[in-house]
Amino acid sequence: MSVWFRAWRWGTVLRPFLVIPTYRLYPYVIIGSMANNILPARAGELVRTYVLGQRYGVKKMVVLGTVAIDRLFDGIALLAIYVVVALISDTNTLLTYIAVAGAAAFGLITAVFFTAVYRPQLAERLLVSLSRWLPRRLQDTALAASRSFLVGLEPLRRPEIIVGVLALSLAAWLGETTMYYILGLGFNLDQPFEVYLLVAAAANLVIALPPSQGGIGPFELVTREVLVLAGVGASVASAYAVALHAALLLPVIVLGLVFLWLVQLDIRRVLKGDDDGSLLADAGRPT
């Protein structure tokens, strides 16, 4: 259910460029999630960017801009959930401090995105300055790709899209948290729903830029520590964290591989960029 909401959200972001039904985007979101779970550095975002760009003839850096909005609002929704729950509930003081620090950091990231959209001249000057650090043969291509990426951020100019994307982001994470809660019932954790909201928000914010595939390790650590702070025994919390992550990863990996086979995509070619469909190859063509 949460993946369906994410596909719906991505379709909302893509609407200024092309209209794609949610059921058609759903496999691409699954493929991207699957690739994130088995590849480092969130390479799944590049994979779904590549697939959509190839299938619908949209500049891939524009698509990557829409994916960046997708991830931005995931962070905003998670941070909003975390801050609200941490501040209004009787939680550990450390969690409150983390919430405030996270709000400051993510507020800065959000400000950068909106500045790039509403101050295009400033963004252009910054891009030109940064491109000068690259070898001359790459400067024009990198600059064109960066400009296409900024075009992909244009949906941030439309308030109705922002409201819709935020609502769908909250719906997606509430849906996923319900799964956390149901699994918690199986472990007899006896915790209220807001504790699972804290688990979902804290664990997924920590793995936003994961040091390992699928965030394996940091996800379990944060999940366990939040539950221990809520009064759950360490051994039970550890077992729950492992089971929860397995329940999140394995079905998506299996389904993603099935969809990958159906679309006949070779991930190795995408990551190598050794064909004319790579992310930078079409930077100069019209959107």
Protein backbone atom coordinates (compact mmCIF):
# COMPACT_ATOMS: atom_id res chain seq x y z
CA MET A 1 0.00 0.00 0.00
CA SER A 2 2.78 2.45 0.86
CA VAL A 3 4.57 1.74 -2.44
CA TRP A 4 1.34 2.47 -4.29
CA PHE A 5 1.13 5.85 -2.55
CA ARG A 6 4.75 6.52 -3.56
CA ALA A 7 3.99 5.68 -7.19
CA TRP A 8 0.97 8.00 -7.04
CA ARG A 9 3.18 10.72 -5.54
CA TRP A 10 5.79 10.35 -8.30
CA GLY A 11 3.07 10.62 -10.91
CA THR A 12 1.96 13.87 -9.27
CA VAL A 13 5.49 15.27 -9.48
CA LEU A 14 5.85 14.14 -13.10
CA ARG A 15 2.53 15.67 -14.18
CA PRO A 16 4.00 18.94 -15.54
CA PHE A 17 6.11 16.85 -17.95
CA LEU A 18 3.95 13.84 -18.78
CA VAL A 19 0.93 12.02 -17.37
CA ILE A 20 1.52 8.40 -16.38
CA PRO A 21 -1.08 6.31 -14.49
CA THR A 22 -0.08 5.10 -11.05
CA TYR A 23 -0.30 1.45 -12.06
CA ARG A 24 2.35 2.04 -14.76
CA LEU A 25 4.72 3.81 -12.36
CA TYR A 26 4.31 1.17 -9.65
CA PRO A 27 6.76 -1.34 -11.26
CA TYR A 28 9.40 1.39 -11.70
CA VAL A 29 9.16 2.40 -8.05
CA ILE A 30 9.49 -1.27 -7.03
CA ILE A 31 12.52 -1.71 -9.32
CA GLY A 32 14.15 1.38 -7.84
CA SER A 33 13.51 0.18 -4.29
CA MET A 34 14.85 -3.25 -5.14
CA ALA A 35 18.04 -1.73 -6.58
CA ASN A 36 18.43 0.45 -3.47
CA ASN A 37 18.24 -2.71 -1.37
CA ILE A 38 20.98 -4.59 -3.23
CA LEU A 39 23.23 -1.80 -4.55
CA PRO A 40 25.19 0.85 -2.62
CA ALA A 41 24.75 4.64 -2.69
CA ARG A 42 21.02 4.54 -3.49
CA ALA A 43 21.74 3.52 -7.08
CA GLY A 44 18.08 2.52 -7.39
CA GLU A 45 17.20 6.18 -7.97
CA LEU A 46 19.41 6.13 -11.07
CA VAL A 47 17.86 2.86 -12.20
CA ARG A 48 14.27 4.08 -12.09
CA THR A 49 15.36 7.37 -13.68
CA TYR A 50 16.94 5.43 -16.54
CA VAL A 51 13.95 3.14 -17.06
CA LEU A 52 11.39 5.93 -17.15
CA GLY A 53 13.54 8.13 -19.36
CA GLN A 54 14.06 5.30 -21.84
CA ARG A 55 10.44 4.21 -21.94
CA TYR A 56 8.84 7.65 -22.23
CA GLY A 57 11.54 9.65 -24.02
CA VAL A 58 12.02 12.25 -21.29
CA LYS A 59 15.46 13.68 -20.52
CA LYS A 60 16.83 11.53 -17.77
CA MET A 61 18.24 14.43 -15.76
CA VAL A 62 14.75 15.97 -15.74
CA VAL A 63 13.40 12.68 -14.40
CA LEU A 64 16.20 12.63 -11.82
CA GLY A 65 15.04 16.06 -10.68
CA THR A 66 11.56 14.65 -10.04
CA VAL A 67 13.12 11.73 -8.15
CA ALA A 68 15.00 14.26 -6.00
CA ILE A 69 11.66 15.92 -5.14
CA ASP A 70 10.35 12.47 -4.27
CA ARG A 71 13.19 11.87 -1.83
CA LEU A 72 12.98 15.41 -0.45
CA PHE A 73 9.35 14.97 0.54
CA ASP A 74 10.07 11.57 2.04
CA GLY A 75 12.49 13.36 4.34
CA ILE A 76 10.08 16.21 5.07
CA ALA A 77 7.27 13.78 5.93
CA LEU A 78 9.50 11.63 8.14
CA LEU A 79 10.94 14.64 9.89
CA ALA A 80 7.47 16.12 10.46
CA ILE A 81 6.28 12.83 11.96
CA TYR A 82 9.39 12.54 14.14
CA VAL A 83 9.31 16.12 15.43
CA VAL A 84 5.59 16.09 16.20
CA VAL A 85 5.67 12.74 18.00
CA ALA A 86 8.93 13.49 19.85
CA LEU A 87 7.71 16.87 21.07
CA ILE A 88 4.13 16.01 22.11
CA SER A 89 4.71 12.58 23.61
CA ASP A 90 6.57 11.56 26.75
CA THR A 91 9.75 10.45 25.00
CA ASN A 92 13.38 10.33 25.97
CA THR A 93 15.14 13.72 26.00
CA LEU A 94 17.78 12.42 23.58
CA LEU A 95 15.07 11.78 20.97
CA THR A 96 13.90 15.38 21.32
CA TYR A 97 17.42 16.71 20.77
CA ILE A 98 17.79 14.50 17.69
CA ALA A 99 14.48 15.83 16.38
CA VAL A 100 15.61 19.44 16.72
CA ALA A 101 18.98 18.75 15.07
CA GLY A 102 17.32 16.84 12.24
CA ALA A 103 14.83 19.63 11.67
CA ALA A 104 17.66 22.16 11.35
CA ALA A 105 19.65 20.00 8.91
CA PHE A 106 16.70 19.12 6.73
CA GLY A 107 15.44 22.67 6.81
CA LEU A 108 18.74 23.71 5.22
CA ILE A 109 18.40 21.06 2.49
CA THR A 110 14.84 22.16 1.75
CA ALA A 111 15.94 25.79 1.55
CA VAL A 112 18.58 24.83 -1.06
CA PHE A 113 15.96 23.12 -3.23
CA PHE A 114 13.52 26.01 -3.12
CA THR A 115 16.27 28.56 -3.68
CA ALA A 116 17.30 26.71 -6.84
CA VAL A 117 13.69 26.87 -8.07
CA TYR A 118 12.79 30.44 -7.13
CA ARG A 119 16.21 32.03 -7.71
CA PRO A 120 17.18 30.49 -11.07
CA GLN A 121 19.75 33.22 -11.84
CA LEU A 122 21.59 32.43 -8.62
CA ALA A 123 21.47 28.70 -9.38
CA GLU A 124 22.74 29.32 -12.90
CA ARG A 125 25.71 31.35 -11.66
CA LEU A 126 26.56 28.64 -9.13
CA LEU A 127 26.37 25.91 -11.80
CA VAL A 128 28.67 27.85 -14.12
CA SER A 129 31.17 28.40 -11.30
CA LEU A 130 31.16 24.73 -10.30
CA SER A 131 31.48 23.52 -13.90
CA ARG A 132 34.81 25.36 -14.22
CA TRP A 133 36.36 22.84 -11.85
CA LEU A 134 35.69 20.04 -14.36
CA PRO A 135 37.85 19.09 -17.37
CA ARG A 136 36.93 21.26 -20.35
CA ARG A 137 35.56 18.34 -22.35
CA LEU A 138 33.01 17.64 -19.59
CA GLN A 139 31.98 21.20 -18.78
CA ASP A 140 29.26 21.66 -21.41
CA THR A 141 27.74 18.23 -20.83
CA ALA A 142 27.73 18.61 -17.04
CA LEU A 143 26.24 22.11 -17.29
CA ALA A 144 23.48 20.94 -19.64
CA ALA A 145 22.72 17.98 -17.36
CA SER A 146 22.56 20.24 -14.31
CA ARG A 147 20.18 22.60 -16.07
CA SER A 148 17.96 19.65 -17.01
CA PHE A 149 18.00 18.55 -13.37
CA LEU A 150 16.82 22.02 -12.32
CA VAL A 151 13.99 21.77 -14.87
CA GLY A 152 12.94 18.59 -13.05
CA LEU A 153 12.53 20.68 -9.89
CA GLU A 154 9.96 22.97 -11.54
CA PRO A 155 6.97 21.18 -9.89
CA LEU A 156 8.07 22.90 -6.65
CA ARG A 157 6.67 26.12 -8.15
CA ARG A 158 3.12 24.73 -8.03
CA PRO A 159 1.46 24.83 -4.57
CA GLU A 160 -1.15 22.22 -5.49
CA ILE A 161 1.61 19.74 -6.33
CA ILE A 162 3.46 20.48 -3.09
CA VAL A 163 0.31 19.91 -1.02
CA GLY A 164 -0.57 16.70 -2.90
CA VAL A 165 2.96 15.30 -2.68
CA LEU A 166 3.20 16.03 1.05
CA ALA A 167 -0.18 14.39 1.70
CA LEU A 168 0.80 11.29 -0.29
CA SER A 169 4.16 11.14 1.51
CA LEU A 170 2.45 11.15 4.90
CA ALA A 171 -0.01 8.50 3.67
CA ALA A 172 2.86 6.29 2.46
CA TRP A 173 4.71 6.45 5.77
CA LEU A 174 1.58 5.97 7.85
CA GLY A 175 0.84 2.88 5.77
CA GLU A 176 4.32 1.50 6.27
CA THR A 177 4.22 2.29 10.00
CA THR A 178 1.02 0.25 10.27
CA MET A 179 3.05 -2.74 9.11
CA TYR A 180 5.62 -1.98 11.85
CA TYR A 181 2.78 -1.95 14.37
CA ILE A 182 1.27 -5.24 13.15
CA LEU A 183 4.67 -6.95 13.35
CA GLY A 184 5.09 -5.46 16.84
CA LEU A 185 1.88 -7.20 17.90
CA GLY A 186 3.45 -10.50 16.87
CA PHE A 187 6.43 -9.76 19.12
CA ASN A 188 4.17 -8.66 22.01
CA LEU A 189 6.03 -5.36 22.28
CA ASP A 190 2.98 -3.70 23.86
CA GLN A 191 3.86 -0.25 22.53
CA PRO A 192 1.50 2.51 21.32
CA PHE A 193 1.38 3.49 17.65
CA GLU A 194 3.42 6.67 18.23
CA VAL A 195 6.46 4.60 19.21
CA TYR A 196 6.34 2.88 15.83
CA LEU A 197 6.07 6.30 14.19
CA LEU A 198 9.31 7.23 15.96
CA VAL A 199 10.92 3.98 14.81
CA ALA A 200 9.88 4.54 11.19
CA ALA A 201 10.98 8.16 11.15
CA ALA A 202 14.31 7.74 12.97
CA ALA A 203 15.41 4.56 11.19
CA ASN A 204 14.54 5.78 7.70
CA LEU A 205 16.07 9.22 8.19
CA VAL A 206 19.33 7.58 9.30
CA ILE A 207 19.49 5.44 6.15
CA ALA A 208 18.54 8.27 3.79
CA LEU A 209 22.20 8.20 2.68
CA PRO A 210 23.05 4.60 3.63
CA PRO A 211 26.59 3.33 4.13
CA SER A 212 25.39 -0.15 3.12
CA GLN A 213 22.92 -1.72 0.75
CA GLY A 214 19.38 -1.35 2.02
CA GLY A 215 20.70 0.40 5.12
CA ILE A 216 21.48 -2.98 6.66
CA GLY A 217 23.09 -2.35 10.03
CA PRO A 218 22.13 1.27 10.72
CA PHE A 219 18.42 0.47 10.31
CA GLU A 220 18.54 -2.36 12.87
CA LEU A 221 20.66 -0.32 15.27
CA VAL A 222 18.37 2.72 15.29
CA THR A 223 15.22 0.60 15.48
CA ARG A 224 16.57 -1.29 18.47
CA GLU A 225 17.74 1.85 20.28
CA VAL A 226 14.43 3.67 19.86
CA LEU A 227 12.56 0.64 21.18
CA VAL A 228 14.97 0.26 24.11
CA LEU A 229 14.44 3.93 24.99
CA ALA A 230 10.70 3.21 24.90
CA GLY A 231 11.13 0.40 27.45
CA VAL A 232 11.46 -2.72 25.28
CA GLY A 233 14.09 -5.29 26.29
CA ALA A 234 17.27 -5.14 24.20
CA SER A 235 17.14 -8.75 23.01
CA VAL A 236 13.49 -8.54 21.93
CA ALA A 237 14.11 -5.17 20.28
CA SER A 238 17.05 -6.62 18.32
CA ALA A 239 15.01 -9.61 17.13
CA TYR A 240 12.15 -7.33 16.11
CA ALA A 241 14.52 -5.01 14.20
CA VAL A 242 15.97 -7.90 12.17
CA ALA A 243 12.54 -9.36 11.40
CA LEU A 244 11.16 -5.95 10.47
CA HIS A 245 13.96 -5.16 8.05
CA ALA A 246 13.69 -8.58 6.44
CA ALA A 247 9.96 -8.04 5.98
CA LEU A 248 10.67 -4.68 4.34
CA LEU A 249 13.49 -5.84 2.06
CA LEU A 250 12.77 -9.37 0.86
CA PRO A 251 9.32 -8.95 -0.78
CA VAL A 252 10.48 -5.81 -2.61
CA ILE A 253 13.66 -7.54 -3.85
CA VAL A 254 11.71 -10.52 -5.18
CA LEU A 255 9.02 -8.42 -6.83
CA GLY A 256 11.61 -5.97 -8.17
CA LEU A 257 13.57 -8.77 -9.85
CA VAL A 258 10.36 -10.00 -11.46
CA PHE A 259 9.57 -6.52 -12.83
CA LEU A 260 13.20 -6.13 -13.91
CA TRP A 261 12.89 -9.31 -15.96
CA LEU A 262 9.60 -8.13 -17.44
CA VAL A 263 11.06 -4.81 -18.64
CA GLN A 264 14.24 -6.59 -19.84
CA LEU A 265 16.60 -4.13 -18.17
CA ASP A 266 20.29 -4.79 -17.54
CA ILE A 267 21.25 -2.79 -14.42
CA ARG A 268 24.96 -3.12 -15.23
CA ARG A 269 24.55 -1.08 -18.42
CA VAL A 270 22.64 1.60 -16.53
CA LEU A 271 25.33 2.02 -13.87
CA LYS A 272 28.22 1.91 -16.34
CA GLY A 273 26.55 4.45 -18.61
CA ASP A 274 28.15 2.68 -21.58
CA ASP A 275 25.28 3.21 -24.00
CA ASP A 276 23.53 6.21 -25.52
CA GLY A 277 20.80 5.95 -22.90
CA SER A 278 23.04 6.96 -20.01
CA LEU A 279 22.04 9.84 -17.77
CA LEU A 280 24.34 12.43 -19.36
CA ALA A 281 24.14 11.26 -22.96
CA ASP A 282 20.85 12.99 -23.70
CA ALA A 283 21.59 16.16 -21.70
CA GLY A 284 21.58 18.35 -24.77
CA ARG A 285 18.39 17.21 -26.42
CA PRO A 286 14.97 18.87 -25.90
CA THR A 287 12.84 17.84 -22.93
